[in-house]
Every structure is written in C-alpha cells, then in structure tokens.
C-alpha cells in the first residue's frame, strides 16, 4: 500500500466567495514510480480538471481513452470511469454546483481550455 507521502489525495473546501459556483475541490498527486488508477463515480455534475506534471488519462466504460495534458471539462458525469495518475502527475479538480457550469464567467475562462462533454 502506498504511504501518504507518495500518494496524496484530499478534498479542499471552497472559499465562501465561490460557494455558489463550486461544491468542492479535489487534489491528487502520484509521487510513486508506478501509475495509480482510481475510479470517479457519477455525480451528474460537471467538473473542471487541471493537470500538472506528467499527463493523466481517463478510460470510460466503453474503453475510450483520453489523455489530459493541461485541463479538461467533463460533464455531466453520468457513469463511472477510471482515471490514471502517471508518476509525477498532479491534478486539481473543481466540482461545479448544479448548473454553475453555464455561468458566463466560467464559460469565458474555459475558452482557453480544451474540453469534452460526456452526455
């Protein structure tokens, strides 16, 4: 089993200024020499994920693979999928509340981020 220093992952509270847009943030990193695969369960909400370090990847139940280089928007998430953190990778995920993804501020920001919508 990986120790906490090698495999960090935790939930981050949302600052009060952003509580109407995000439910929570999630951070994970892989400091090991081996890939770490986890499963994201359906939330029926959209998420914005930032990737730092080496690439991360997603695998759907239909065996569709997607590499994440910098950032991606997924949603609404209606089915579980696996994500893999390669050695040296870090992710920060922002979980949108209800229909906050359609907020004009978020949409302006996302113009610079490649995305995929899983419907």
PDB file of N, CA and C in Angstrom:
ATOM      1  N   UNK A   1       0.844  -1.189   0.000  1.00  0.00           N
ATOM      2  CA  UNK A   1       0.000   0.000   0.000  1.00  0.00           C
ATOM      3  C   UNK A   1       0.884   1.244   0.000  1.00  0.00           C
ATOM      4  N   UNK A   2       0.484   2.227  -0.728  1.00  0.00           N
ATOM      5  CA  UNK A   2       1.239   3.474  -0.836  1.00  0.00           C
ATOM      6  C   UNK A   2       1.071   4.288   0.450  1.00  0.00           C
ATOM      7  N   UNK A   3       2.151   4.921   0.896  1.00  0.00           N
ATOM      8  CA  UNK A   3       2.007   5.758   2.074  1.00  0.00           C
ATOM      9  C   UNK A   3       1.564   7.160   1.674  1.00  0.00           C
ATOM     10  N   UNK A   4       1.169   7.947   2.648  1.00  0.00           N
ATOM     11  CA  UNK A   4       0.592   9.268   2.383  1.00  0.00           C
ATOM     12  C   UNK A   4       1.565  10.211   1.697  1.00  0.00           C
ATOM     13  N   UNK A   5       2.864  10.013   1.900  1.00  0.00           N
ATOM     14  CA  UNK A   5       3.829  10.900   1.271  1.00  0.00           C
ATOM     15  C   UNK A   5       3.958  10.632  -0.228  1.00  0.00           C
ATOM     16  N   UNK A   6       3.622   9.423  -0.664  1.00  0.00           N
ATOM     17  CA  UNK A   6       3.742   9.068  -2.072  1.00  0.00           C
ATOM     18  C   UNK A   6       2.453   9.288  -2.845  1.00  0.00           C
ATOM     19  N   UNK A   7       1.323   9.151  -2.185  1.00  0.00           N
ATOM     20  CA  UNK A   7       0.031   9.206  -2.855  1.00  0.00           C
ATOM     21  C   UNK A   7      -0.901  10.127  -2.074  1.00  0.00           C
ATOM     22  N   UNK A   8      -0.815  11.410  -2.362  1.00  0.00           N
ATOM     23  CA  UNK A   8      -1.659  12.380  -1.671  1.00  0.00           C
ATOM     24  C   UNK A   8      -2.947  12.588  -2.445  1.00  0.00           C
ATOM     25  N   UNK A   9      -4.072  12.573  -1.756  1.00  0.00           N
ATOM     26  CA  UNK A   9      -5.338  12.952  -2.359  1.00  0.00           C
ATOM     27  C   UNK A   9      -6.269  13.405  -1.252  1.00  0.00           C
ATOM     28  N   UNK A  10      -6.904  14.533  -1.482  1.00  0.00           N
ATOM     29  CA  UNK A  10      -7.785  15.070  -0.460  1.00  0.00           C
ATOM     30  C   UNK A  10      -8.742  16.097  -1.049  1.00  0.00           C
ATOM     31  N   UNK A  11      -9.793  16.327  -0.303  1.00  0.00           N
ATOM     32  CA  UNK A  11     -10.819  17.294  -0.675  1.00  0.00           C
ATOM     33  C   UNK A  11     -10.456  18.646  -0.071  1.00  0.00           C
ATOM     34  N   UNK A  12     -10.717  19.718  -0.832  1.00  0.00           N
ATOM     35  CA  UNK A  12     -10.406  21.070  -0.379  1.00  0.00           C
ATOM     36  C   UNK A  12     -11.704  21.864  -0.305  1.00  0.00           C
ATOM     37  N   UNK A  13     -11.917  22.536   0.811  1.00  0.00           N
ATOM     38  CA  UNK A  13     -13.122  23.359   0.970  1.00  0.00           C
ATOM     39  C   UNK A  13     -13.102  24.536  -0.005  1.00  0.00           C
ATOM     40  N   UNK A  14     -14.277  24.965  -0.384  1.00  0.00           N
ATOM     41  CA  UNK A  14     -14.429  26.079  -1.318  1.00  0.00           C
ATOM     42  C   UNK A  14     -14.464  27.391  -0.540  1.00  0.00           C
ATOM     43  N   UNK A  15     -13.682  28.391  -0.937  1.00  0.00           N
ATOM     44  CA  UNK A  15     -13.776  29.702  -0.287  1.00  0.00           C
ATOM     45  C   UNK A  15     -15.201  30.250  -0.434  1.00  0.00           C
ATOM     46  N   UNK A  16     -15.644  30.985   0.543  1.00  0.00           N
ATOM     47  CA  UNK A  16     -17.026  31.472   0.553  1.00  0.00           C
ATOM     48  C   UNK A  16     -17.387  32.276  -0.697  1.00  0.00           C
ATOM     49  N   UNK A  17     -16.436  32.975  -1.282  1.00  0.00           N
ATOM     50  CA  UNK A  17     -16.705  33.772  -2.480  1.00  0.00           C
ATOM     51  C   UNK A  17     -17.119  32.909  -3.679  1.00  0.00           C
ATOM     52  N   UNK A  18     -16.798  31.596  -3.646  1.00  0.00           N
ATOM     53  CA  UNK A  18     -17.089  30.716  -4.771  1.00  0.00           C
ATOM     54  C   UNK A  18     -18.109  29.630  -4.445  1.00  0.00           C
ATOM     55  N   UNK A  19     -18.747  29.704  -3.297  1.00  0.00           N
ATOM     56  CA  UNK A  19     -19.681  28.655  -2.875  1.00  0.00           C
ATOM     57  C   UNK A  19     -20.897  28.510  -3.782  1.00  0.00           C
ATOM     58  N   UNK A  20     -21.262  29.541  -4.514  1.00  0.00           N
ATOM     59  CA  UNK A  20     -22.413  29.425  -5.412  1.00  0.00           C
ATOM     60  C   UNK A  20     -22.040  28.727  -6.719  1.00  0.00           C
ATOM     61  N   UNK A  21     -20.747  28.604  -7.002  1.00  0.00           N
ATOM     62  CA  UNK A  21     -20.293  28.001  -8.257  1.00  0.00           C
ATOM     63  C   UNK A  21     -19.756  26.583  -8.051  1.00  0.00           C
ATOM     64  N   UNK A  22     -18.959  26.354  -6.995  1.00  0.00           N
ATOM     65  CA  UNK A  22     -18.299  25.070  -6.778  1.00  0.00           C
ATOM     66  C   UNK A  22     -18.767  24.409  -5.486  1.00  0.00           C
ATOM     67  N   UNK A  23     -18.873  23.067  -5.520  1.00  0.00           N
ATOM     68  CA  UNK A  23     -19.218  22.332  -4.300  1.00  0.00           C
ATOM     69  C   UNK A  23     -17.968  22.008  -3.488  1.00  0.00           C
ATOM     70  N   UNK A  24     -16.885  21.631  -4.169  1.00  0.00           N
ATOM     71  CA  UNK A  24     -15.612  21.361  -3.510  1.00  0.00           C
ATOM     72  C   UNK A  24     -14.519  21.222  -4.571  1.00  0.00           C
ATOM     73  N   UNK A  25     -13.285  21.211  -4.101  1.00  0.00           N
ATOM     74  CA  UNK A  25     -12.127  20.959  -4.939  1.00  0.00           C
ATOM     75  C   UNK A  25     -11.503  19.647  -4.479  1.00  0.00           C
ATOM     76  N   UNK A  26     -10.810  18.997  -5.387  1.00  0.00           N
ATOM     77  CA  UNK A  26     -10.144  17.732  -5.083  1.00  0.00           C
ATOM     78  C   UNK A  26      -8.730  17.800  -5.640  1.00  0.00           C
ATOM     79  N   UNK A  27      -7.748  17.395  -4.834  1.00  0.00           N
ATOM     80  CA  UNK A  27      -6.351  17.376  -5.255  1.00  0.00           C
ATOM     81  C   UNK A  27      -5.819  15.958  -5.116  1.00  0.00           C
ATOM     82  N   UNK A  28      -5.031  15.533  -6.098  1.00  0.00           N
ATOM     83  CA  UNK A  28      -4.365  14.227  -6.023  1.00  0.00           C
ATOM     84  C   UNK A  28      -3.019  14.326  -6.723  1.00  0.00           C
ATOM     85  N   UNK A  29      -2.055  13.568  -6.217  1.00  0.00           N
ATOM     86  CA  UNK A  29      -0.740  13.514  -6.849  1.00  0.00           C
ATOM     87  C   UNK A  29      -0.160  12.128  -6.682  1.00  0.00           C
ATOM     88  N   UNK A  30       0.720  11.790  -7.603  1.00  0.00           N
ATOM     89  CA  UNK A  30       1.384  10.497  -7.577  1.00  0.00           C
ATOM     90  C   UNK A  30       2.888  10.717  -7.505  1.00  0.00           C
ATOM     91  N   UNK A  31       3.454  10.428  -6.347  1.00  0.00           N
ATOM     92  CA  UNK A  31       4.897  10.570  -6.149  1.00  0.00           C
ATOM     93  C   UNK A  31       5.610   9.224  -6.228  1.00  0.00           C
ATOM     94  N   UNK A  32       4.885   8.182  -6.652  1.00  0.00           N
ATOM     95  CA  UNK A  32       5.484   6.860  -6.752  1.00  0.00           C
ATOM     96  C   UNK A  32       6.143   6.679  -8.115  1.00  0.00           C
ATOM     97  N   UNK A  33       6.711   5.507  -8.323  1.00  0.00           N
ATOM     98  CA  UNK A  33       7.322   5.169  -9.602  1.00  0.00           C
ATOM     99  C   UNK A  33       6.351   4.445 -10.525  1.00  0.00           C
ATOM    100  N   UNK A  34       5.118   4.207 -10.066  1.00  0.00           N
ATOM    101  CA  UNK A  34       4.147   3.423 -10.815  1.00  0.00           C
ATOM    102  C   UNK A  34       2.849   4.202 -10.996  1.00  0.00           C
ATOM    103  N   UNK A  35       2.109   3.959 -12.085  1.00  0.00           N
ATOM    104  CA  UNK A  35       0.808   4.617 -12.275  1.00  0.00           C
ATOM    105  C   UNK A  35      -0.172   4.219 -11.177  1.00  0.00           C
ATOM    106  N   UNK A  36      -1.037   5.149 -10.810  1.00  0.00           N
ATOM    107  CA  UNK A  36      -2.097   4.887  -9.831  1.00  0.00           C
ATOM    108  C   UNK A  36      -3.426   5.103 -10.546  1.00  0.00           C
ATOM    109  N   UNK A  37      -4.294   4.091 -10.513  1.00  0.00           N
ATOM    110  CA  UNK A  37      -5.603   4.186 -11.161  1.00  0.00           C
ATOM    111  C   UNK A  37      -6.686   4.196 -10.095  1.00  0.00           C
ATOM    112  N   UNK A  38      -7.641   5.127 -10.262  1.00  0.00           N
ATOM    113  CA  UNK A  38      -8.769   5.266  -9.351  1.00  0.00           C
ATOM    114  C   UNK A  38     -10.038   5.378 -10.182  1.00  0.00           C
ATOM    115  N   UNK A  39     -11.181   5.283  -9.527  1.00  0.00           N
ATOM    116  CA  UNK A  39     -12.460   5.377 -10.214  1.00  0.00           C
ATOM    117  C   UNK A  39     -13.213   6.609  -9.738  1.00  0.00           C
ATOM    118  N   UNK A  40     -13.708   7.385 -10.697  1.00  0.00           N
ATOM    119  CA  UNK A  40     -14.571   8.531 -10.390  1.00  0.00           C
ATOM    120  C   UNK A  40     -16.010   8.069 -10.560  1.00  0.00           C
ATOM    121  N   UNK A  41     -16.791   8.217  -9.499  1.00  0.00           N
ATOM    122  CA  UNK A  41     -18.193   7.804  -9.529  1.00  0.00           C
ATOM    123  C   UNK A  41     -19.073   8.904 -10.098  1.00  0.00           C
ATOM    124  N   UNK A  42     -20.222   8.555 -10.680  1.00  0.00           N
ATOM    125  CA  UNK A  42     -21.110   9.569 -11.266  1.00  0.00           C
ATOM    126  C   UNK A  42     -21.617  10.554 -10.223  1.00  0.00           C
ATOM    127  N   UNK A  43     -21.622  11.835 -10.603  1.00  0.00           N
ATOM    128  CA  UNK A  43     -22.134  12.883  -9.720  1.00  0.00           C
ATOM    129  C   UNK A  43     -23.257  13.669 -10.391  1.00  0.00           C
ATOM    130  N   UNK A  44     -23.434  13.451 -11.691  1.00  0.00           N
ATOM    131  CA  UNK A  44     -24.413  14.170 -12.508  1.00  0.00           C
ATOM    132  C   UNK A  44     -24.144  15.669 -12.517  1.00  0.00           C
ATOM    133  N   UNK A  45     -22.905  16.044 -12.224  1.00  0.00           N
ATOM    134  CA  UNK A  45     -22.457  17.436 -12.284  1.00  0.00           C
ATOM    135  C   UNK A  45     -21.261  17.519 -13.228  1.00  0.00           C
ATOM    136  N   UNK A  46     -20.888  18.725 -13.571  1.00  0.00           N
ATOM    137  CA  UNK A  46     -19.703  18.948 -14.400  1.00  0.00           C
ATOM    138  C   UNK A  46     -18.499  19.215 -13.515  1.00  0.00           C
ATOM    139  N   UNK A  47     -17.315  18.865 -14.015  1.00  0.00           N
ATOM    140  CA  UNK A  47     -16.070  19.130 -13.298  1.00  0.00           C
ATOM    141  C   UNK A  47     -15.068  19.759 -14.257  1.00  0.00           C
ATOM    142  N   UNK A  48     -14.192  20.556 -13.703  1.00  0.00           N
ATOM    143  CA  UNK A  48     -13.072  21.155 -14.424  1.00  0.00           C
ATOM    144  C   UNK A  48     -11.806  20.609 -13.782  1.00  0.00           C
ATOM    145  N   UNK A  49     -10.999  19.893 -14.562  1.00  0.00           N
ATOM    146  CA  UNK A  49      -9.789  19.270 -14.024  1.00  0.00           C
ATOM    147  C   UNK A  49      -8.546  19.886 -14.657  1.00  0.00           C
ATOM    148  N   UNK A  50      -7.614  20.269 -13.798  1.00  0.00           N
ATOM    149  CA  UNK A  50      -6.309  20.780 -14.230  1.00  0.00           C
ATOM    150  C   UNK A  50      -5.277  19.699 -13.985  1.00  0.00           C
ATOM    151  N   UNK A  51      -4.395  19.488 -14.952  1.00  0.00           N
ATOM    152  CA  UNK A  51      -3.343  18.504 -14.827  1.00  0.00           C
ATOM    153  C   UNK A  51      -1.992  19.216 -14.759  1.00  0.00           C
ATOM    154  N   UNK A  52      -1.189  18.832 -13.783  1.00  0.00           N
ATOM    155  CA  UNK A  52       0.147  19.395 -13.610  1.00  0.00           C
ATOM    156  C   UNK A  52       1.153  18.257 -13.668  1.00  0.00           C
ATOM    157  N   UNK A  53       2.328  18.532 -14.144  1.00  0.00           N
ATOM    158  CA  UNK A  53       3.337  17.480 -14.236  1.00  0.00           C
ATOM    159  C   UNK A  53       3.097  16.607 -15.448  1.00  0.00           C
ATOM    160  N   UNK A  54       3.323  15.294 -15.289  1.00  0.00           N
ATOM    161  CA  UNK A  54       3.132  14.376 -16.406  1.00  0.00           C
ATOM    162  C   UNK A  54       1.644  14.221 -16.723  1.00  0.00           C
ATOM    163  N   UNK A  55       1.349  13.693 -17.896  1.00  0.00           N
ATOM    164  CA  UNK A  55      -0.038  13.540 -18.340  1.00  0.00           C
ATOM    165  C   UNK A  55      -0.805  12.553 -17.466  1.00  0.00           C
ATOM    166  N   UNK A  56      -2.101  12.778 -17.386  1.00  0.00           N
ATOM    167  CA  UNK A  56      -3.025  11.843 -16.756  1.00  0.00           C
ATOM    168  C   UNK A  56      -3.923  11.303 -17.857  1.00  0.00           C
ATOM    169  N   UNK A  57      -4.658  10.248 -17.564  1.00  0.00           N
ATOM    170  CA  UNK A  57      -5.547   9.702 -18.582  1.00  0.00           C
ATOM    171  C   UNK A  57      -6.869   9.262 -17.969  1.00  0.00           C
ATOM    172  N   UNK A  58      -7.874   9.191 -18.836  1.00  0.00           N
ATOM    173  CA  UNK A  58      -9.212   8.749 -18.452  1.00  0.00           C
ATOM    174  C   UNK A  58      -9.583   7.550 -19.318  1.00  0.00           C
ATOM    175  N   UNK A  59     -10.358   6.635 -18.754  1.00  0.00           N
ATOM    176  CA  UNK A  59     -10.838   5.478 -19.506  1.00  0.00           C
ATOM    177  C   UNK A  59     -12.309   5.285 -19.170  1.00  0.00           C
ATOM    178  N   UNK A  60     -13.155   5.338 -20.203  1.00  0.00           N
ATOM    179  CA  UNK A  60     -14.592   5.172 -19.991  1.00  0.00           C
ATOM    180  C   UNK A  60     -14.959   3.693 -19.914  1.00  0.00           C
ATOM    181  N   UNK A  61     -16.210   3.426 -19.567  1.00  0.00           N
ATOM    182  CA  UNK A  61     -16.699   2.044 -19.524  1.00  0.00           C
ATOM    183  C   UNK A  61     -16.726   1.421 -20.917  1.00  0.00           C
ATOM    184  N   UNK A  62     -16.719   2.253 -21.953  1.00  0.00           N
ATOM    185  CA  UNK A  62     -16.689   1.762 -23.326  1.00  0.00           C
ATOM    186  C   UNK A  62     -15.251   1.609 -23.826  1.00  0.00           C
ATOM    187  N   UNK A  63     -14.285   1.684 -22.914  1.00  0.00           N
ATOM    188  CA  UNK A  63     -12.857   1.571 -23.222  1.00  0.00           C
ATOM    189  C   UNK A  63     -12.329   2.690 -24.116  1.00  0.00           C
ATOM    190  N   UNK A  64     -12.918   3.864 -24.013  1.00  0.00           N
ATOM    191  CA  UNK A  64     -12.415   5.037 -24.702  1.00  0.00           C
ATOM    192  C   UNK A  64     -11.342   5.663 -23.818  1.00  0.00           C
ATOM    193  N   UNK A  65     -10.156   5.920 -24.385  1.00  0.00           N
ATOM    194  CA  UNK A  65      -9.051   6.517 -23.644  1.00  0.00           C
ATOM    195  C   UNK A  65      -8.893   7.978 -24.032  1.00  0.00           C
ATOM    196  N   UNK A  66      -8.573   8.798 -23.055  1.00  0.00           N
ATOM    197  CA  UNK A  66      -8.369  10.218 -23.293  1.00  0.00           C
ATOM    198  C   UNK A  66      -7.218  10.684 -22.425  1.00  0.00           C
ATOM    199  N   UNK A  67      -6.193  11.285 -23.049  1.00  0.00           N
ATOM    200  CA  UNK A  67      -5.077  11.850 -22.297  1.00  0.00           C
ATOM    201  C   UNK A  67      -5.397  13.285 -21.930  1.00  0.00           C
ATOM    202  N   UNK A  68      -5.044  13.669 -20.723  1.00  0.00           N
ATOM    203  CA  UNK A  68      -5.262  15.037 -20.247  1.00  0.00           C
ATOM    204  C   UNK A  68      -3.901  15.685 -20.092  1.00  0.00           C
ATOM    205  N   UNK A  69      -3.649  16.694 -20.935  1.00  0.00           N
ATOM    206  CA  UNK A  69      -2.357  17.378 -20.877  1.00  0.00           C
ATOM    207  C   UNK A  69      -2.383  18.545 -19.893  1.00  0.00           C
ATOM    208  N   UNK A  70      -3.377  19.428 -20.024  1.00  0.00           N
ATOM    209  CA  UNK A  70      -3.431  20.622 -19.178  1.00  0.00           C
ATOM    210  C   UNK A  70      -4.738  20.739 -18.407  1.00  0.00           C
ATOM    211  N   UNK A  71      -5.857  20.747 -19.127  1.00  0.00           N
ATOM    212  CA  UNK A  71      -7.144  20.859 -18.446  1.00  0.00           C
ATOM    213  C   UNK A  71      -8.245  20.244 -19.300  1.00  0.00           C
ATOM    214  N   UNK A  72      -9.342  19.912 -18.638  1.00  0.00           N
ATOM    215  CA  UNK A  72     -10.469  19.295 -19.321  1.00  0.00           C
ATOM    216  C   UNK A  72     -11.738  19.581 -18.521  1.00  0.00           C
ATOM    217  N   UNK A  73     -12.844  19.686 -19.227  1.00  0.00           N
ATOM    218  CA  UNK A  73     -14.148  19.807 -18.587  1.00  0.00           C
ATOM    219  C   UNK A  73     -14.930  18.555 -18.936  1.00  0.00           C
ATOM    220  N   UNK A  74     -15.491  17.925 -17.930  1.00  0.00           N
ATOM    221  CA  UNK A  74     -16.307  16.733 -18.123  1.00  0.00           C
ATOM    222  C   UNK A  74     -17.671  16.980 -17.507  1.00  0.00           C
ATOM    223  N   UNK A  75     -18.702  16.549 -18.196  1.00  0.00           N
ATOM    224  CA  UNK A  75     -19.989  16.636 -17.549  1.00  0.00           C
ATOM    225  C   UNK A  75     -21.149  16.743 -18.508  1.00  0.00           C
ATOM    226  N   UNK A  76     -22.306  16.504 -17.976  1.00  0.00           N
ATOM    227  CA  UNK A  76     -22.484  15.978 -16.621  1.00  0.00           C
ATOM    228  C   UNK A  76     -21.998  14.525 -16.553  1.00  0.00           C
ATOM    229  N   UNK A  77     -21.392  14.165 -15.456  1.00  0.00           N
ATOM    230  CA  UNK A  77     -20.819  12.827 -15.290  1.00  0.00           C
ATOM    231  C   UNK A  77     -21.939  11.870 -14.899  1.00  0.00           C
ATOM    232  N   UNK A  78     -22.297  10.998 -15.842  1.00  0.00           N
ATOM    233  CA  UNK A  78     -23.428  10.084 -15.653  1.00  0.00           C
ATOM    234  C   UNK A  78     -23.003   8.637 -15.453  1.00  0.00           C
ATOM    235  N   UNK A  79     -21.725   8.358 -15.630  1.00  0.00           N
ATOM    236  CA  UNK A  79     -21.245   6.994 -15.431  1.00  0.00           C
ATOM    237  C   UNK A  79     -19.851   7.027 -14.815  1.00  0.00           C
ATOM    238  N   UNK A  80     -19.517   5.947 -14.132  1.00  0.00           N
ATOM    239  CA  UNK A  80     -18.195   5.849 -13.515  1.00  0.00           C
ATOM    240  C   UNK A  80     -17.141   5.700 -14.612  1.00  0.00           C
ATOM    241  N   UNK A  81     -15.947   6.220 -14.360  1.00  0.00           N
ATOM    242  CA  UNK A  81     -14.817   5.986 -15.248  1.00  0.00           C
ATOM    243  C   UNK A  81     -13.538   5.981 -14.436  1.00  0.00           C
ATOM    244  N   UNK A  82     -12.532   5.324 -14.988  1.00  0.00           N
ATOM    245  CA  UNK A  82     -11.232   5.239 -14.327  1.00  0.00           C
ATOM    246  C   UNK A  82     -10.352   6.382 -14.785  1.00  0.00           C
ATOM    247  N   UNK A  83      -9.539   6.877 -13.874  1.00  0.00           N
ATOM    248  CA  UNK A  83      -8.516   7.853 -14.240  1.00  0.00           C
ATOM    249  C   UNK A  83      -7.190   7.362 -13.679  1.00  0.00           C
ATOM    250  N   UNK A  84      -6.139   7.637 -14.426  1.00  0.00           N
ATOM    251  CA  UNK A  84      -4.808   7.168 -14.042  1.00  0.00           C
ATOM    252  C   UNK A  84      -3.877   8.351 -13.885  1.00  0.00           C
ATOM    253  N   UNK A  85      -3.208   8.374 -12.746  1.00  0.00           N
ATOM    254  CA  UNK A  85      -2.176   9.372 -12.476  1.00  0.00           C
ATOM    255  C   UNK A  85      -0.829   8.711 -12.728  1.00  0.00           C
ATOM    256  N   UNK A  86      -0.138   9.194 -13.733  1.00  0.00           N
ATOM    257  CA  UNK A  86       1.197   8.678 -14.030  1.00  0.00           C
ATOM    258  C   UNK A  86       2.176   9.187 -12.973  1.00  0.00           C
ATOM    259  N   UNK A  87       3.323   8.538 -12.812  1.00  0.00           N
ATOM    260  CA  UNK A  87       4.319   9.037 -11.854  1.00  0.00           C
ATOM    261  C   UNK A  87       4.652  10.505 -12.134  1.00  0.00           C
ATOM    262  N   UNK A  88       4.630  11.310 -11.094  1.00  0.00           N
ATOM    263  CA  UNK A  88       4.947  12.732 -11.230  1.00  0.00           C
ATOM    264  C   UNK A  88       3.765  13.603 -11.597  1.00  0.00           C
ATOM    265  N   UNK A  89       2.579  13.044 -11.689  1.00  0.00           N
ATOM    266  CA  UNK A  89       1.417  13.858 -12.063  1.00  0.00           C
ATOM    267  C   UNK A  89       0.669  14.381 -10.839  1.00  0.00           C
ATOM    268  N   UNK A  90       0.001  15.496 -11.049  1.00  0.00           N
ATOM    269  CA  UNK A  90      -0.847  16.124 -10.040  1.00  0.00           C
ATOM    270  C   UNK A  90      -2.098  16.628 -10.735  1.00  0.00           C
ATOM    271  N   UNK A  91      -3.244  16.501 -10.067  1.00  0.00           N
ATOM    272  CA  UNK A  91      -4.483  17.044 -10.613  1.00  0.00           C
ATOM    273  C   UNK A  91      -5.187  17.880  -9.559  1.00  0.00           C
ATOM    274  N   UNK A  92      -5.875  18.897 -10.029  1.00  0.00           N
ATOM    275  CA  UNK A  92      -6.751  19.715  -9.192  1.00  0.00           C
ATOM    276  C   UNK A  92      -8.091  19.753  -9.910  1.00  0.00           C
ATOM    277  N   UNK A  93      -9.141  19.292  -9.235  1.00  0.00           N
ATOM    278  CA  UNK A  93     -10.463  19.191  -9.840  1.00  0.00           C
ATOM    279  C   UNK A  93     -11.422  20.133  -9.126  1.00  0.00           C
ATOM    280  N   UNK A  94     -12.115  20.958  -9.911  1.00  0.00           N
ATOM    281  CA  UNK A  94     -13.156  21.855  -9.389  1.00  0.00           C
ATOM    282  C   UNK A  94     -14.504  21.243  -9.734  1.00  0.00           C
ATOM    283  N   UNK A  95     -15.318  20.967  -8.728  1.00  0.00           N
ATOM    284  CA  UNK A  95     -16.636  20.361  -8.920  1.00  0.00           C
ATOM    285  C   UNK A  95     -17.689  21.454  -8.951  1.00  0.00           C
ATOM    286  N   UNK A  96     -18.346  21.607 -10.098  1.00  0.00           N
ATOM    287  CA  UNK A  96     -19.374  22.633 -10.242  1.00  0.00           C
ATOM    288  C   UNK A  96     -20.634  22.244  -9.481  1.00  0.00           C
ATOM    289  N   UNK A  97     -21.333  23.248  -8.982  1.00  0.00           N
ATOM    290  CA  UNK A  97     -22.632  23.058  -8.343  1.00  0.00           C
ATOM    291  C   UNK A  97     -23.720  23.158  -9.398  1.00  0.00           C
ATOM    292  N   UNK A  98     -24.694  22.315  -9.309  1.00  0.00           N
ATOM    293  CA  UNK A  98     -25.903  22.359 -10.140  1.00  0.00           C
ATOM    294  C   UNK A  98     -25.607  22.822 -11.558  1.00  0.00           C
ATOM    295  N   UNK A  99     -26.121  23.967 -11.977  1.00  0.00           N
ATOM    296  CA  UNK A  99     -25.904  24.443 -13.344  1.00  0.00           C
ATOM    297  C   UNK A  99     -24.874  25.565 -13.410  1.00  0.00           C
ATOM    298  N   UNK A 100     -23.968  25.617 -12.447  1.00  0.00           N
ATOM    299  CA  UNK A 100     -22.974  26.694 -12.397  1.00  0.00           C
ATOM    300  C   UNK A 100     -22.026  26.654 -13.585  1.00  0.00           C
ATOM    301  N   UNK A 101     -21.894  25.517 -14.229  1.00  0.00           N
ATOM    302  CA  UNK A 101     -21.005  25.413 -15.396  1.00  0.00           C
ATOM    303  C   UNK A 101     -21.413  26.386 -16.497  1.00  0.00           C
ATOM    304  N   UNK A 102     -22.683  26.664 -16.615  1.00  0.00           N
ATOM    305  CA  UNK A 102     -23.159  27.552 -17.670  1.00  0.00           C
ATOM    306  C   UNK A 102     -22.993  29.023 -17.328  1.00  0.00           C
ATOM    307  N   UNK A 103     -22.499  29.314 -16.158  1.00  0.00           N
ATOM    308  CA  UNK A 103     -22.250  30.700 -15.758  1.00  0.00           C
ATOM    309  C   UNK A 103     -21.300  31.353 -16.762  1.00  0.00           C
ATOM    310  N   UNK A 104     -21.598  32.561 -17.149  1.00  0.00           N
ATOM    311  CA  UNK A 104     -20.797  33.225 -18.186  1.00  0.00           C
ATOM    312  C   UNK A 104     -19.333  33.391 -17.791  1.00  0.00           C
ATOM    313  N   UNK A 105     -19.038  33.607 -16.513  1.00  0.00           N
ATOM    314  CA  UNK A 105     -17.646  33.744 -16.083  1.00  0.00           C
ATOM    315  C   UNK A 105     -16.891  32.443 -16.335  1.00  0.00           C
ATOM    316  N   UNK A 106     -17.493  31.325 -15.976  1.00  0.00           N
ATOM    317  CA  UNK A 106     -16.851  30.031 -16.201  1.00  0.00           C
ATOM    318  C   UNK A 106     -16.659  29.784 -17.687  1.00  0.00           C
ATOM    319  N   UNK A 107     -17.638  30.101 -18.488  1.00  0.00           N
ATOM    320  CA  UNK A 107     -17.540  29.872 -19.927  1.00  0.00           C
ATOM    321  C   UNK A 107     -16.421  30.719 -20.546  1.00  0.00           C
ATOM    322  N   UNK A 108     -16.266  31.958 -20.111  1.00  0.00           N
ATOM    323  CA  UNK A 108     -15.181  32.792 -20.639  1.00  0.00           C
ATOM    324  C   UNK A 108     -13.820  32.200 -20.296  1.00  0.00           C
ATOM    325  N   UNK A 109     -13.697  31.667 -19.099  1.00  0.00           N
ATOM    326  CA  UNK A 109     -12.445  31.065 -18.675  1.00  0.00           C
ATOM    327  C   UNK A 109     -12.132  29.818 -19.502  1.00  0.00           C
ATOM    328  N   UNK A 110     -13.144  29.029 -19.782  1.00  0.00           N
ATOM    329  CA  UNK A 110     -12.946  27.748 -20.435  1.00  0.00           C
ATOM    330  C   UNK A 110     -12.604  27.854 -21.917  1.00  0.00           C
ATOM    331  N   UNK A 111     -12.723  29.013 -22.489  1.00  0.00           N
ATOM    332  CA  UNK A 111     -12.361  29.186 -23.891  1.00  0.00           C
ATOM    333  C   UNK A 111     -10.907  28.787 -24.114  1.00  0.00           C
ATOM    334  N   UNK A 112     -10.066  28.943 -23.113  1.00  0.00           N
ATOM    335  CA  UNK A 112      -8.637  28.614 -23.228  1.00  0.00           C
ATOM    336  C   UNK A 112      -8.333  27.165 -22.865  1.00  0.00           C
ATOM    337  N   UNK A 113      -9.342  26.402 -22.504  1.00  0.00           N
ATOM    338  CA  UNK A 113      -9.142  25.035 -22.035  1.00  0.00           C
ATOM    339  C   UNK A 113      -9.831  24.041 -22.972  1.00  0.00           C
ATOM    340  N   UNK A 114      -9.094  23.086 -23.567  1.00  0.00           N
ATOM    341  CA  UNK A 114      -9.761  22.073 -24.382  1.00  0.00           C
ATOM    342  C   UNK A 114     -10.692  21.261 -23.492  1.00  0.00           C
ATOM    343  N   UNK A 115     -11.827  20.880 -24.014  1.00  0.00           N
ATOM    344  CA  UNK A 115     -12.770  20.163 -23.168  1.00  0.00           C
ATOM    345  C   UNK A 115     -13.570  19.146 -23.952  1.00  0.00           C
ATOM    346  N   UNK A 116     -14.186  18.254 -23.198  1.00  0.00           N
ATOM    347  CA  UNK A 116     -15.095  17.270 -23.750  1.00  0.00           C
ATOM    348  C   UNK A 116     -16.310  17.215 -22.826  1.00  0.00           C
ATOM    349  N   UNK A 117     -17.476  17.119 -23.395  1.00  0.00           N
ATOM    350  CA  UNK A 117     -18.687  16.995 -22.603  1.00  0.00           C
ATOM    351  C   UNK A 117     -19.200  15.575 -22.749  1.00  0.00           C
ATOM    352  N   UNK A 118     -19.344  14.859 -21.656  1.00  0.00           N
ATOM    353  CA  UNK A 118     -19.856  13.500 -21.693  1.00  0.00           C
ATOM    354  C   UNK A 118     -21.331  13.550 -21.329  1.00  0.00           C
ATOM    355  N   UNK A 119     -22.180  13.330 -22.296  1.00  0.00           N
ATOM    356  CA  UNK A 119     -23.624  13.424 -22.069  1.00  0.00           C
ATOM    357  C   UNK A 119     -24.230  12.044 -22.087  1.00  0.00           C
TER     358      UNK A 119
END
